[in-house]
Amino acid sequence: MPRKSTHPTPTDQSSLCLQYLRRCGGSARLCTINFSLEVIQTLVNRKLVKVTNTRAGFFVELDEAK
């Protein structure tokens, strides 16, 4: 029987990151997010979020064009 990994995978954390962004109104500053860059990159690759530079910092936003 295969053993379960004790390390969280990016896909497990990506759903939590999406929930966090929804609770924050759809966007949050990148420096305040406590999720790894790997999780954020996974969401960007899946076109669920986008990262924008607003000259006041980088923001992670839910991509509304689904």
C-alpha atoms as a PDB file:
ATOM      1  CA  MET A   1       0.000   0.000   0.000  1.00  0.00           C
ATOM      2  CA  PRO A   2       1.420   3.429  -0.917  1.00  0.00           C
ATOM      3  CA  ARG A   3       2.281   5.740   1.939  1.00  0.00           C
ATOM      4  CA  LYS A   4       0.682   9.140   2.241  1.00  0.00           C
ATOM      5  CA  SER A   5       3.020  12.073   2.089  1.00  0.00           C
ATOM      6  CA  THR A   6       3.283  14.191   5.203  1.00  0.00           C
ATOM      7  CA  HIS A   7       4.257  17.245   3.159  1.00  0.00           C
ATOM      8  CA  PRO A   8       1.437  19.403   1.782  1.00  0.00           C
ATOM      9  CA  THR A   9       1.287  19.528  -1.994  1.00  0.00           C
ATOM     10  CA  PRO A  10       0.776  22.737  -3.954  1.00  0.00           C
ATOM     11  CA  THR A  11      -2.685  21.601  -5.065  1.00  0.00           C
ATOM     12  CA  ASP A  12      -3.788  21.144  -1.441  1.00  0.00           C
ATOM     13  CA  GLN A  13      -2.598  24.635  -0.566  1.00  0.00           C
ATOM     14  CA  SER A  14      -3.925  26.197  -3.771  1.00  0.00           C
ATOM     15  CA  SER A  15      -7.545  25.719  -2.723  1.00  0.00           C
ATOM     16  CA  LEU A  16      -6.749  27.381   0.615  1.00  0.00           C
ATOM     17  CA  CYS A  17      -5.075  30.257  -1.202  1.00  0.00           C
ATOM     18  CA  LEU A  18      -8.158  30.721  -3.389  1.00  0.00           C
ATOM     19  CA  GLN A  19     -10.379  30.773  -0.307  1.00  0.00           C
ATOM     20  CA  TYR A  20      -8.084  33.354   1.290  1.00  0.00           C
ATOM     21  CA  LEU A  21      -8.282  35.598  -1.780  1.00  0.00           C
ATOM     22  CA  ARG A  22     -12.072  35.316  -1.876  1.00  0.00           C
ATOM     23  CA  ARG A  23     -12.258  36.351   1.783  1.00  0.00           C
ATOM     24  CA  CYS A  24      -9.977  39.334   1.071  1.00  0.00           C
ATOM     25  CA  GLY A  25     -12.292  40.655  -1.624  1.00  0.00           C
ATOM     26  CA  GLY A  26     -10.524  39.094  -4.588  1.00  0.00           C
ATOM     27  CA  SER A  27      -7.026  40.522  -4.190  1.00  0.00           C
ATOM     28  CA  ALA A  28      -4.207  40.740  -1.692  1.00  0.00           C
ATOM     29  CA  ARG A  29      -0.672  42.093  -1.609  1.00  0.00           C
ATOM     30  CA  LEU A  30       1.868  39.456  -2.533  1.00  0.00           C
ATOM     31  CA  CYS A  31       4.051  40.286   0.469  1.00  0.00           C
ATOM     32  CA  THR A  32       1.198  39.590   2.906  1.00  0.00           C
ATOM     33  CA  ILE A  33       0.268  36.163   1.532  1.00  0.00           C
ATOM     34  CA  ASN A  34       1.675  33.308   3.589  1.00  0.00           C
ATOM     35  CA  PHE A  35       1.508  30.765   0.765  1.00  0.00           C
ATOM     36  CA  SER A  36       4.593  29.641  -1.095  1.00  0.00           C
ATOM     37  CA  LEU A  37       5.487  31.038  -4.486  1.00  0.00           C
ATOM     38  CA  GLU A  38       5.077  27.519  -5.862  1.00  0.00           C
ATOM     39  CA  VAL A  39       1.401  27.558  -4.877  1.00  0.00           C
ATOM     40  CA  ILE A  40       0.885  30.984  -6.433  1.00  0.00           C
ATOM     41  CA  GLN A  41       2.699  29.907  -9.608  1.00  0.00           C
ATOM     42  CA  THR A  42       0.439  26.848  -9.825  1.00  0.00           C
ATOM     43  CA  LEU A  43      -2.627  29.091  -9.655  1.00  0.00           C
ATOM     44  CA  VAL A  44      -1.191  31.446 -12.273  1.00  0.00           C
ATOM     45  CA  ASN A  45      -0.443  28.500 -14.590  1.00  0.00           C
ATOM     46  CA  ARG A  46      -4.011  27.261 -14.152  1.00  0.00           C
ATOM     47  CA  LYS A  47      -5.199  30.827 -14.978  1.00  0.00           C
ATOM     48  CA  LEU A  48      -7.133  31.164 -11.728  1.00  0.00           C
ATOM     49  CA  VAL A  49      -5.207  34.209 -10.474  1.00  0.00           C
ATOM     50  CA  LYS A  50      -3.045  36.936 -11.954  1.00  0.00           C
ATOM     51  CA  VAL A  51      -0.232  38.994 -10.496  1.00  0.00           C
ATOM     52  CA  THR A  52      -0.218  42.713 -11.214  1.00  0.00           C
ATOM     53  CA  ASN A  53       2.261  45.465 -10.424  1.00  0.00           C
ATOM     54  CA  THR A  54       0.506  48.635  -9.248  1.00  0.00           C
ATOM     55  CA  ARG A  55       3.661  50.654  -8.455  1.00  0.00           C
ATOM     56  CA  ALA A  56       2.577  50.342  -4.824  1.00  0.00           C
ATOM     57  CA  GLY A  57       3.520  46.678  -4.845  1.00  0.00           C
ATOM     58  CA  PHE A  58       2.564  43.398  -6.408  1.00  0.00           C
ATOM     59  CA  PHE A  59      -1.003  42.175  -5.977  1.00  0.00           C
ATOM     60  CA  VAL A  60      -2.432  38.699  -6.502  1.00  0.00           C
ATOM     61  CA  GLU A  61      -5.953  38.935  -7.905  1.00  0.00           C
ATOM     62  CA  LEU A  62      -8.584  36.377  -8.742  1.00  0.00           C
ATOM     63  CA  ASP A  63      -8.943  36.125 -12.510  1.00  0.00           C
ATOM     64  CA  GLU A  64     -12.616  36.864 -13.155  1.00  0.00           C
ATOM     65  CA  ALA A  65     -12.449  35.830 -16.827  1.00  0.00           C
ATOM     66  CA  LYS A  66     -13.062  32.108 -16.310  1.00  0.00           C
END
